[in-house]
Amino acid sequence: MSTPKPVRLGPRSVAALLLISVIGVIAFGWPLLAAPGSGLAGAHAQDAPWLLAVLLPLLVAVVVATISDAGLDAKAVAMLGVLAAVGAALRPLGAGTAGLEPMFFLMVLSGRVLGPGFGFVLGAVTMFASALLTGGVGPWMPFQMLSMGWFTMGAGLLPGARRLRGRAELALLAAYGFLAAFLYGTVMNLQGWTYIGGMASGVSFHPGDPVHENLTRFLAYCVTTSLGWDLGRAALTVVLTLTVGATLLKALRRATRRAAFEAEAAFEAPGPRPHGPRGSPTAAG
């Protein structure tokens, strides 16, 4: 039996996601194009207020576009709230300890079951809620929201959503979670690397240098500073996916099936009224 997806990617949803993704890529990568002495790289440390002012309305626009395209109803919004709350509650359980963040495995499974549109919104909202819960509000927050949105959306874009089940599906999700956990850490490293001073020249950002040379230094920076953290996040995601993933996938699919998010109301013409033994309408009729 196919599982209905409460959030589909319609034309307006795709346009909103593309717009916010393009802005996100520019926000992460524009310092790489800064000229020597321009001061643009240093300004990257101060761009959080305007970036937050741009990104938060766009995240709302993704939700609004999804509602318009897919007819998102109260049941889907309720599930979004529940999963975001659970994900936000999971984050403090491991944050700050070798990158052990159990919320990532929940985002992988949720994105897989509920689709890429729901996944992007869920990832961003979960990260926003967890930042409020843990006091992690700062210039990095809009970047984290984007990165987690992409992370969760990617799980919804994996192939074989209707055919792949059992161990093969868990293996696919574990492999994706392992790779995407490293990609998440790498993208988030880019947010702060360009304005962190006092680093060795082999791993520091040099404004005006060719992009490929700066990217080489950036990879060296990731390996020397955050590889262990990213490995812990990736390993925990794999372990949780393989051990409890099957149970959680069944629960999520059962919940979406029972909620029947995409079920359409059907109206039937009234039938003949029932009659009593003597042909007169009954009281119930």
C-alpha atoms as a PDB file:
ATOM      1  CA  MET A   1       0.000   0.000   0.000  1.00  0.00           C
ATOM      2  CA  SER A   2       1.439   3.368  -0.980  1.00  0.00           C
ATOM      3  CA  THR A   3       1.973   5.947   1.709  1.00  0.00           C
ATOM      4  CA  PRO A   4       0.360   9.357   1.159  1.00  0.00           C
ATOM      5  CA  LYS A   5       2.677  12.328   1.496  1.00  0.00           C
ATOM      6  CA  PRO A   6       1.186  15.277   3.370  1.00  0.00           C
ATOM      7  CA  VAL A   7       3.414  17.788   1.574  1.00  0.00           C
ATOM      8  CA  ARG A   8       3.896  17.523  -2.175  1.00  0.00           C
ATOM      9  CA  LEU A   9       6.266  19.584  -4.289  1.00  0.00           C
ATOM     10  CA  GLY A  10       4.020  21.634  -6.530  1.00  0.00           C
ATOM     11  CA  PRO A  11       5.146  24.400  -8.901  1.00  0.00           C
ATOM     12  CA  ARG A  12       5.032  27.147  -6.284  1.00  0.00           C
ATOM     13  CA  SER A  13       6.762  24.947  -3.719  1.00  0.00           C
ATOM     14  CA  VAL A  14       9.571  24.155  -6.154  1.00  0.00           C
ATOM     15  CA  ALA A  15       9.952  27.837  -7.053  1.00  0.00           C
ATOM     16  CA  ALA A  16      10.114  28.836  -3.368  1.00  0.00           C
ATOM     17  CA  LEU A  17      12.632  26.096  -2.568  1.00  0.00           C
ATOM     18  CA  LEU A  18      14.803  27.044  -5.538  1.00  0.00           C
ATOM     19  CA  LEU A  19      14.743  30.703  -4.540  1.00  0.00           C
ATOM     20  CA  ILE A  20      15.683  30.067  -0.936  1.00  0.00           C
ATOM     21  CA  SER A  21      18.354  27.549  -1.987  1.00  0.00           C
ATOM     22  CA  VAL A  22      19.956  29.999  -4.413  1.00  0.00           C
ATOM     23  CA  ILE A  23      20.019  32.683  -1.730  1.00  0.00           C
ATOM     24  CA  GLY A  24      21.463  30.158   0.696  1.00  0.00           C
ATOM     25  CA  VAL A  25      24.254  29.161  -1.675  1.00  0.00           C
ATOM     26  CA  ILE A  26      25.116  32.830  -2.214  1.00  0.00           C
ATOM     27  CA  ALA A  27      25.040  33.499   1.534  1.00  0.00           C
ATOM     28  CA  PHE A  28      27.407  30.612   2.227  1.00  0.00           C
ATOM     29  CA  GLY A  29      29.787  31.165  -0.671  1.00  0.00           C
ATOM     30  CA  TRP A  30      30.028  34.868  -1.521  1.00  0.00           C
ATOM     31  CA  PRO A  31      33.133  35.522   0.649  1.00  0.00           C
ATOM     32  CA  LEU A  32      35.091  33.143  -1.603  1.00  0.00           C
ATOM     33  CA  LEU A  33      34.803  35.797  -4.341  1.00  0.00           C
ATOM     34  CA  ALA A  34      35.967  38.704  -2.170  1.00  0.00           C
ATOM     35  CA  ALA A  35      38.827  40.759  -3.604  1.00  0.00           C
ATOM     36  CA  PRO A  36      42.003  41.404  -1.561  1.00  0.00           C
ATOM     37  CA  GLY A  37      41.585  44.348   0.799  1.00  0.00           C
ATOM     38  CA  SER A  38      37.917  44.747  -0.031  1.00  0.00           C
ATOM     39  CA  GLY A  39      36.793  44.017   3.519  1.00  0.00           C
ATOM     40  CA  LEU A  40      33.967  41.842   2.230  1.00  0.00           C
ATOM     41  CA  ALA A  41      35.271  38.716   3.926  1.00  0.00           C
ATOM     42  CA  GLY A  42      35.293  40.451   7.294  1.00  0.00           C
ATOM     43  CA  ALA A  43      31.779  41.724   6.676  1.00  0.00           C
ATOM     44  CA  HIS A  44      30.620  38.099   6.479  1.00  0.00           C
ATOM     45  CA  ALA A  45      30.782  38.027  10.260  1.00  0.00           C
ATOM     46  CA  GLN A  46      28.242  40.855  10.405  1.00  0.00           C
ATOM     47  CA  ASP A  47      25.732  39.718   7.785  1.00  0.00           C
ATOM     48  CA  ALA A  48      23.534  37.636  10.091  1.00  0.00           C
ATOM     49  CA  PRO A  49      20.861  40.307  10.794  1.00  0.00           C
ATOM     50  CA  TRP A  50      20.006  41.018   7.170  1.00  0.00           C
ATOM     51  CA  LEU A  51      20.358  37.373   6.213  1.00  0.00           C
ATOM     52  CA  LEU A  52      17.972  36.338   8.965  1.00  0.00           C
ATOM     53  CA  ALA A  53      15.578  39.071   7.861  1.00  0.00           C
ATOM     54  CA  VAL A  54      15.606  37.609   4.342  1.00  0.00           C
ATOM     55  CA  LEU A  55      15.611  33.900   5.140  1.00  0.00           C
ATOM     56  CA  LEU A  56      12.871  33.730   7.752  1.00  0.00           C
ATOM     57  CA  PRO A  57      10.189  35.233   5.477  1.00  0.00           C
ATOM     58  CA  LEU A  58      11.360  32.922   2.698  1.00  0.00           C
ATOM     59  CA  LEU A  59      10.989  29.917   4.979  1.00  0.00           C
ATOM     60  CA  VAL A  60       7.458  31.081   5.708  1.00  0.00           C
ATOM     61  CA  ALA A  61       6.963  31.440   1.950  1.00  0.00           C
ATOM     62  CA  VAL A  62       7.951  27.783   1.482  1.00  0.00           C
ATOM     63  CA  VAL A  63       5.280  26.759   3.987  1.00  0.00           C
ATOM     64  CA  VAL A  64       2.662  29.001   2.378  1.00  0.00           C
ATOM     65  CA  ALA A  65       3.509  27.755  -1.117  1.00  0.00           C
ATOM     66  CA  THR A  66       3.323  24.166   0.087  1.00  0.00           C
ATOM     67  CA  ILE A  67      -0.067  24.792   1.674  1.00  0.00           C
ATOM     68  CA  SER A  68      -1.271  26.320  -1.590  1.00  0.00           C
ATOM     69  CA  ASP A  69       0.062  23.474  -3.754  1.00  0.00           C
ATOM     70  CA  ALA A  70      -0.717  20.478  -1.557  1.00  0.00           C
ATOM     71  CA  GLY A  71      -3.653  21.582   0.542  1.00  0.00           C
ATOM     72  CA  LEU A  72      -1.747  21.218   3.794  1.00  0.00           C
ATOM     73  CA  ASP A  73      -4.339  20.804   6.536  1.00  0.00           C
ATOM     74  CA  ALA A  74      -4.427  20.838  10.300  1.00  0.00           C
ATOM     75  CA  LYS A  75      -3.352  17.193  10.580  1.00  0.00           C
ATOM     76  CA  ALA A  76      -0.183  17.770   8.577  1.00  0.00           C
ATOM     77  CA  VAL A  77       0.626  20.927  10.519  1.00  0.00           C
ATOM     78  CA  ALA A  78       0.107  18.989  13.749  1.00  0.00           C
ATOM     79  CA  MET A  79       2.496  16.259  12.599  1.00  0.00           C
ATOM     80  CA  LEU A  80       5.033  18.903  11.612  1.00  0.00           C
ATOM     81  CA  GLY A  81       4.797  20.399  15.083  1.00  0.00           C
ATOM     82  CA  VAL A  82       5.109  17.043  16.846  1.00  0.00           C
ATOM     83  CA  LEU A  83       8.132  15.909  14.822  1.00  0.00           C
ATOM     84  CA  ALA A  84       9.820  19.307  15.174  1.00  0.00           C
ATOM     85  CA  ALA A  85       9.281  19.203  18.934  1.00  0.00           C
ATOM     86  CA  VAL A  86      10.688  15.677  19.182  1.00  0.00           C
ATOM     87  CA  GLY A  87      13.693  16.616  17.039  1.00  0.00           C
ATOM     88  CA  ALA A  88      14.345  19.737  19.098  1.00  0.00           C
ATOM     89  CA  ALA A  89      14.149  17.687  22.302  1.00  0.00           C
ATOM     90  CA  LEU A  90      16.601  15.112  20.933  1.00  0.00           C
ATOM     91  CA  ARG A  91      19.283  17.635  20.041  1.00  0.00           C
ATOM     92  CA  PRO A  92      20.396  18.545  23.602  1.00  0.00           C
ATOM     93  CA  LEU A  93      20.814  14.855  24.458  1.00  0.00           C
ATOM     94  CA  GLY A  94      24.075  14.669  22.549  1.00  0.00           C
ATOM     95  CA  ALA A  95      25.040  18.191  21.529  1.00  0.00           C
ATOM     96  CA  GLY A  96      28.518  19.117  22.699  1.00  0.00           C
ATOM     97  CA  THR A  97      29.712  15.512  23.008  1.00  0.00           C
ATOM     98  CA  ALA A  98      31.834  14.462  20.029  1.00  0.00           C
ATOM     99  CA  GLY A  99      29.134  15.509  17.593  1.00  0.00           C
ATOM    100  CA  LEU A 100      26.619  12.953  18.882  1.00  0.00           C
ATOM    101  CA  GLU A 101      23.323  14.466  17.732  1.00  0.00           C
ATOM    102  CA  PRO A 102      20.429  11.963  17.598  1.00  0.00           C
ATOM    103  CA  MET A 103      18.086  14.431  15.899  1.00  0.00           C
ATOM    104  CA  PHE A 104      19.794  13.755  12.559  1.00  0.00           C
ATOM    105  CA  PHE A 105      18.546  10.178  12.279  1.00  0.00           C
ATOM    106  CA  LEU A 106      14.974  11.343  12.974  1.00  0.00           C
ATOM    107  CA  MET A 107      15.285  13.904  10.171  1.00  0.00           C
ATOM    108  CA  VAL A 108      16.501  11.222   7.743  1.00  0.00           C
ATOM    109  CA  LEU A 109      13.566   8.903   8.456  1.00  0.00           C
ATOM    110  CA  SER A 110      10.998  11.705   8.505  1.00  0.00           C
ATOM    111  CA  GLY A 111      12.198  13.085   5.200  1.00  0.00           C
ATOM    112  CA  ARG A 112      12.080   9.611   3.675  1.00  0.00           C
ATOM    113  CA  VAL A 113       8.501   8.930   4.729  1.00  0.00           C
ATOM    114  CA  LEU A 114       6.974  12.372   4.350  1.00  0.00           C
ATOM    115  CA  GLY A 115       8.671  13.613   1.204  1.00  0.00           C
ATOM    116  CA  PRO A 116      11.105  16.389   0.226  1.00  0.00           C
ATOM    117  CA  GLY A 117       8.721  19.330   0.670  1.00  0.00           C
ATOM    118  CA  PHE A 118       7.675  18.341   4.166  1.00  0.00           C
ATOM    119  CA  GLY A 119      11.307  17.425   4.845  1.00  0.00           C
ATOM    120  CA  PHE A 120      12.695  20.858   4.075  1.00  0.00           C
ATOM    121  CA  VAL A 121      10.110  22.608   6.238  1.00  0.00           C
ATOM    122  CA  LEU A 122      10.553  20.080   9.044  1.00  0.00           C
ATOM    123  CA  GLY A 123      14.349  20.384   9.048  1.00  0.00           C
ATOM    124  CA  ALA A 124      14.314  24.177   9.160  1.00  0.00           C
ATOM    125  CA  VAL A 125      11.590  24.386  11.811  1.00  0.00           C
ATOM    126  CA  THR A 126      13.286  21.742  13.965  1.00  0.00           C
ATOM    127  CA  MET A 127      16.585  23.589  13.910  1.00  0.00           C
ATOM    128  CA  PHE A 128      14.848  26.867  14.743  1.00  0.00           C
ATOM    129  CA  ALA A 129      13.006  25.252  17.666  1.00  0.00           C
ATOM    130  CA  SER A 130      16.141  23.545  18.961  1.00  0.00           C
ATOM    131  CA  ALA A 131      18.058  26.834  18.843  1.00  0.00           C
ATOM    132  CA  LEU A 132      15.393  28.455  21.003  1.00  0.00           C
ATOM    133  CA  LEU A 133      15.380  25.464  23.357  1.00  0.00           C
ATOM    134  CA  THR A 134      19.157  25.296  23.818  1.00  0.00           C
ATOM    135  CA  GLY A 135      19.904  29.010  23.685  1.00  0.00           C
ATOM    136  CA  GLY A 136      21.770  28.541  20.417  1.00  0.00           C
ATOM    137  CA  VAL A 137      20.430  31.667  18.741  1.00  0.00           C
ATOM    138  CA  GLY A 138      23.220  33.467  16.915  1.00  0.00           C
ATOM    139  CA  PRO A 139      24.576  34.452  13.497  1.00  0.00           C
ATOM    140  CA  TRP A 140      24.862  30.775  12.608  1.00  0.00           C
ATOM    141  CA  MET A 141      21.157  29.979  13.140  1.00  0.00           C
ATOM    142  CA  PRO A 142      19.787  30.867   9.658  1.00  0.00           C
ATOM    143  CA  PHE A 143      22.641  28.886   8.117  1.00  0.00           C
ATOM    144  CA  GLN A 144      21.806  25.908  10.323  1.00  0.00           C
ATOM    145  CA  MET A 145      18.159  26.131   9.320  1.00  0.00           C
ATOM    146  CA  LEU A 146      19.067  26.071   5.644  1.00  0.00           C
ATOM    147  CA  SER A 147      21.542  23.228   6.066  1.00  0.00           C
ATOM    148  CA  MET A 148      19.121  21.082   8.055  1.00  0.00           C
ATOM    149  CA  GLY A 149      16.375  21.813   5.534  1.00  0.00           C
ATOM    150  CA  TRP A 150      18.602  20.564   2.722  1.00  0.00           C
ATOM    151  CA  PHE A 151      19.672  17.577   4.834  1.00  0.00           C
ATOM    152  CA  THR A 152      16.094  16.445   5.479  1.00  0.00           C
ATOM    153  CA  MET A 153      14.881  17.253   1.970  1.00  0.00           C
ATOM    154  CA  GLY A 154      17.637  15.069   0.509  1.00  0.00           C
ATOM    155  CA  ALA A 155      16.253  12.036   2.338  1.00  0.00           C
ATOM    156  CA  GLY A 156      12.898  12.650   0.665  1.00  0.00           C
ATOM    157  CA  LEU A 157      14.554  12.729  -2.759  1.00  0.00           C
ATOM    158  CA  LEU A 158      16.146   9.290  -2.415  1.00  0.00           C
ATOM    159  CA  PRO A 159      14.959   6.772  -5.045  1.00  0.00           C
ATOM    160  CA  GLY A 160      12.716   3.765  -4.499  1.00  0.00           C
ATOM    161  CA  ALA A 161      10.303   5.377  -2.048  1.00  0.00           C
ATOM    162  CA  ARG A 162       7.468   3.013  -3.050  1.00  0.00           C
ATOM    163  CA  ARG A 163       9.401  -0.151  -3.856  1.00  0.00           C
ATOM    164  CA  LEU A 164      12.354  -0.313  -1.502  1.00  0.00           C
ATOM    165  CA  ARG A 165      11.611  -1.766   1.923  1.00  0.00           C
ATOM    166  CA  GLY A 166      13.277  -3.749   4.704  1.00  0.00           C
ATOM    167  CA  ARG A 167      17.024  -4.034   5.072  1.00  0.00           C
ATOM    168  CA  ALA A 168      17.743  -2.561   1.661  1.00  0.00           C
ATOM    169  CA  GLU A 169      15.898   0.628   2.551  1.00  0.00           C
ATOM    170  CA  LEU A 170      17.610   0.880   5.929  1.00  0.00           C
ATOM    171  CA  ALA A 171      20.990   0.409   4.251  1.00  0.00           C
ATOM    172  CA  LEU A 172      20.161   3.205   1.783  1.00  0.00           C
ATOM    173  CA  LEU A 173      19.068   5.547   4.573  1.00  0.00           C
ATOM    174  CA  ALA A 174      22.105   4.713   6.690  1.00  0.00           C
ATOM    175  CA  ALA A 175      24.437   5.412   3.764  1.00  0.00           C
ATOM    176  CA  TYR A 176      22.673   8.691   3.044  1.00  0.00           C
ATOM    177  CA  GLY A 177      22.747   9.700   6.715  1.00  0.00           C
ATOM    178  CA  PHE A 178      26.465   8.947   6.929  1.00  0.00           C
ATOM    179  CA  LEU A 179      27.326  10.998   3.850  1.00  0.00           C
ATOM    180  CA  ALA A 180      24.872  13.834   4.536  1.00  0.00           C
ATOM    181  CA  ALA A 181      26.113  14.207   8.123  1.00  0.00           C
ATOM    182  CA  PHE A 182      29.572  15.010   6.755  1.00  0.00           C
ATOM    183  CA  LEU A 183      28.111  17.343   4.139  1.00  0.00           C
ATOM    184  CA  TYR A 184      26.116  19.179   6.801  1.00  0.00           C
ATOM    185  CA  GLY A 185      29.242  19.728   8.885  1.00  0.00           C
ATOM    186  CA  THR A 186      31.240  20.812   5.840  1.00  0.00           C
ATOM    187  CA  VAL A 187      28.639  23.356   4.733  1.00  0.00           C
ATOM    188  CA  MET A 188      28.362  24.763   8.245  1.00  0.00           C
ATOM    189  CA  ASN A 189      32.149  25.064   8.466  1.00  0.00           C
ATOM    190  CA  LEU A 190      32.054  27.325   5.431  1.00  0.00           C
ATOM    191  CA  GLN A 191      29.827  29.752   7.315  1.00  0.00           C
ATOM    192  CA  GLY A 192      32.554  30.680   9.820  1.00  0.00           C
ATOM    193  CA  TRP A 193      35.809  29.743   8.135  1.00  0.00           C
ATOM    194  CA  THR A 194      36.165  32.882   6.021  1.00  0.00           C
ATOM    195  CA  TYR A 195      36.287  35.250   9.002  1.00  0.00           C
ATOM    196  CA  ILE A 196      38.091  33.150  11.622  1.00  0.00           C
ATOM    197  CA  GLY A 197      41.516  34.665  12.129  1.00  0.00           C
ATOM    198  CA  GLY A 198      44.676  33.353  13.743  1.00  0.00           C
ATOM    199  CA  MET A 199      44.821  30.095  11.770  1.00  0.00           C
ATOM    200  CA  ALA A 200      47.808  28.574  10.024  1.00  0.00           C
ATOM    201  CA  SER A 201      48.239  29.779   6.454  1.00  0.00           C
ATOM    202  CA  GLY A 202      47.683  26.265   5.119  1.00  0.00           C
ATOM    203  CA  VAL A 203      44.084  26.194   6.356  1.00  0.00           C
ATOM    204  CA  SER A 204      43.117  29.882   6.448  1.00  0.00           C
ATOM    205  CA  PHE A 205      41.085  31.865   3.956  1.00  0.00           C
ATOM    206  CA  HIS A 206      43.038  34.174   1.628  1.00  0.00           C
ATOM    207  CA  PRO A 207      40.791  36.834   0.049  1.00  0.00           C
ATOM    208  CA  GLY A 208      41.450  37.264  -3.647  1.00  0.00           C
ATOM    209  CA  ASP A 209      43.115  33.886  -4.170  1.00  0.00           C
ATOM    210  CA  PRO A 210      41.623  31.582  -6.827  1.00  0.00           C
ATOM    211  CA  VAL A 211      38.528  29.761  -5.600  1.00  0.00           C
ATOM    212  CA  HIS A 212      40.068  26.314  -6.083  1.00  0.00           C
ATOM    213  CA  GLU A 213      43.047  27.231  -3.883  1.00  0.00           C
ATOM    214  CA  ASN A 214      40.813  28.531  -1.111  1.00  0.00           C
ATOM    215  CA  LEU A 215      38.648  25.410  -1.359  1.00  0.00           C
ATOM    216  CA  THR A 216      41.750  23.248  -0.957  1.00  0.00           C
ATOM    217  CA  ARG A 217      42.620  25.133   2.226  1.00  0.00           C
ATOM    218  CA  PHE A 218      39.015  24.810   3.345  1.00  0.00           C
ATOM    219  CA  LEU A 219      39.091  21.023   3.015  1.00  0.00           C
ATOM    220  CA  ALA A 220      42.299  20.976   5.045  1.00  0.00           C
ATOM    221  CA  TYR A 221      40.552  23.131   7.647  1.00  0.00           C
ATOM    222  CA  CYS A 222      37.630  20.680   7.828  1.00  0.00           C
ATOM    223  CA  VAL A 223      39.929  17.690   8.241  1.00  0.00           C
ATOM    224  CA  THR A 224      41.999  19.296  10.984  1.00  0.00           C
ATOM    225  CA  THR A 225      39.212  20.935  12.986  1.00  0.00           C
ATOM    226  CA  SER A 226      35.892  19.119  12.614  1.00  0.00           C
ATOM    227  CA  LEU A 227      36.457  15.653  11.154  1.00  0.00           C
ATOM    228  CA  GLY A 228      36.069  13.951  14.524  1.00  0.00           C
ATOM    229  CA  TRP A 229      32.852  15.844  15.284  1.00  0.00           C
ATOM    230  CA  ASP A 230      31.372  15.000  11.891  1.00  0.00           C
ATOM    231  CA  LEU A 231      32.388  11.362  12.246  1.00  0.00           C
ATOM    232  CA  GLY A 232      30.577  11.091  15.581  1.00  0.00           C
ATOM    233  CA  ARG A 233      27.419  12.580  14.067  1.00  0.00           C
ATOM    234  CA  ALA A 234      27.588  10.275  11.046  1.00  0.00           C
ATOM    235  CA  ALA A 235      28.290   7.139  13.105  1.00  0.00           C
ATOM    236  CA  LEU A 236      25.415   7.769  15.516  1.00  0.00           C
ATOM    237  CA  THR A 237      23.046   8.406  12.602  1.00  0.00           C
ATOM    238  CA  VAL A 238      24.011   5.072  11.048  1.00  0.00           C
ATOM    239  CA  VAL A 239      23.705   3.132  14.313  1.00  0.00           C
ATOM    240  CA  LEU A 240      20.283   4.554  15.186  1.00  0.00           C
ATOM    241  CA  THR A 241      18.991   4.093  11.636  1.00  0.00           C
ATOM    242  CA  LEU A 242      19.994   0.430  11.532  1.00  0.00           C
ATOM    243  CA  THR A 243      18.783  -0.417  15.051  1.00  0.00           C
ATOM    244  CA  VAL A 244      15.500   1.460  15.506  1.00  0.00           C
ATOM    245  CA  GLY A 245      14.906   2.723  11.980  1.00  0.00           C
ATOM    246  CA  ALA A 246      12.554  -0.075  10.937  1.00  0.00           C
ATOM    247  CA  THR A 247      10.269   0.491  13.920  1.00  0.00           C
ATOM    248  CA  LEU A 248      10.174   4.251  13.449  1.00  0.00           C
ATOM    249  CA  LEU A 249       9.549   3.971   9.697  1.00  0.00           C
ATOM    250  CA  LYS A 250       6.541   1.732  10.349  1.00  0.00           C
ATOM    251  CA  ALA A 251       5.204   4.160  12.950  1.00  0.00           C
ATOM    252  CA  LEU A 252       5.582   7.167  10.667  1.00  0.00           C
ATOM    253  CA  ARG A 253       3.996   5.374   7.718  1.00  0.00           C
ATOM    254  CA  ARG A 254       1.129   4.142   9.856  1.00  0.00           C
ATOM    255  CA  ALA A 255       0.524   7.661  11.143  1.00  0.00           C
ATOM    256  CA  THR A 256       0.471   9.201   7.665  1.00  0.00           C
ATOM    257  CA  ARG A 257      -1.755   6.427   6.328  1.00  0.00           C
ATOM    258  CA  ARG A 258      -4.286   6.809   9.134  1.00  0.00           C
ATOM    259  CA  ALA A 259      -4.249  10.580   8.864  1.00  0.00           C
ATOM    260  CA  ALA A 260      -4.994  10.265   5.120  1.00  0.00           C
ATOM    261  CA  PHE A 261      -3.521  13.699   4.437  1.00  0.00           C
ATOM    262  CA  GLU A 262      -4.353  13.577   0.734  1.00  0.00           C
ATOM    263  CA  ALA A 263      -7.804  12.060   1.043  1.00  0.00           C
ATOM    264  CA  GLU A 264     -10.384  14.147  -0.737  1.00  0.00           C
ATOM    265  CA  ALA A 265     -13.875  14.664   0.579  1.00  0.00           C
ATOM    266  CA  ALA A 266     -16.548  12.863  -1.448  1.00  0.00           C
ATOM    267  CA  PHE A 267     -20.153  13.971  -1.507  1.00  0.00           C
ATOM    268  CA  GLU A 268     -22.880  11.474  -2.331  1.00  0.00           C
ATOM    269  CA  ALA A 269     -26.394  12.180  -3.494  1.00  0.00           C
ATOM    270  CA  PRO A 270     -28.939  11.469  -0.769  1.00  0.00           C
ATOM    271  CA  GLY A 271     -30.712   8.129  -1.174  1.00  0.00           C
ATOM    272  CA  PRO A 272     -34.395   7.354  -0.654  1.00  0.00           C
ATOM    273  CA  ARG A 273     -35.644   7.868   2.841  1.00  0.00           C
ATOM    274  CA  PRO A 274     -36.353   4.688   4.805  1.00  0.00           C
ATOM    275  CA  HIS A 275     -40.002   3.830   5.448  1.00  0.00           C
ATOM    276  CA  GLY A 276     -41.749   2.052   8.239  1.00  0.00           C
ATOM    277  CA  PRO A 277     -43.810  -1.101   7.941  1.00  0.00           C
ATOM    278  CA  ARG A 278     -46.789   0.751   6.406  1.00  0.00           C
ATOM    279  CA  GLY A 279     -44.812   2.793   3.922  1.00  0.00           C
ATOM    280  CA  SER A 280     -44.695   5.969   5.993  1.00  0.00           C
ATOM    281  CA  PRO A 281     -41.374   7.716   6.737  1.00  0.00           C
ATOM    282  CA  THR A 282     -39.777   6.569   9.943  1.00  0.00           C
ATOM    283  CA  ALA A 283     -39.017   8.958  12.747  1.00  0.00           C
ATOM    284  CA  ALA A 284     -35.295   8.516  12.113  1.00  0.00           C
ATOM    285  CA  GLY A 285     -35.791   9.524   8.494  1.00  0.00           C
END
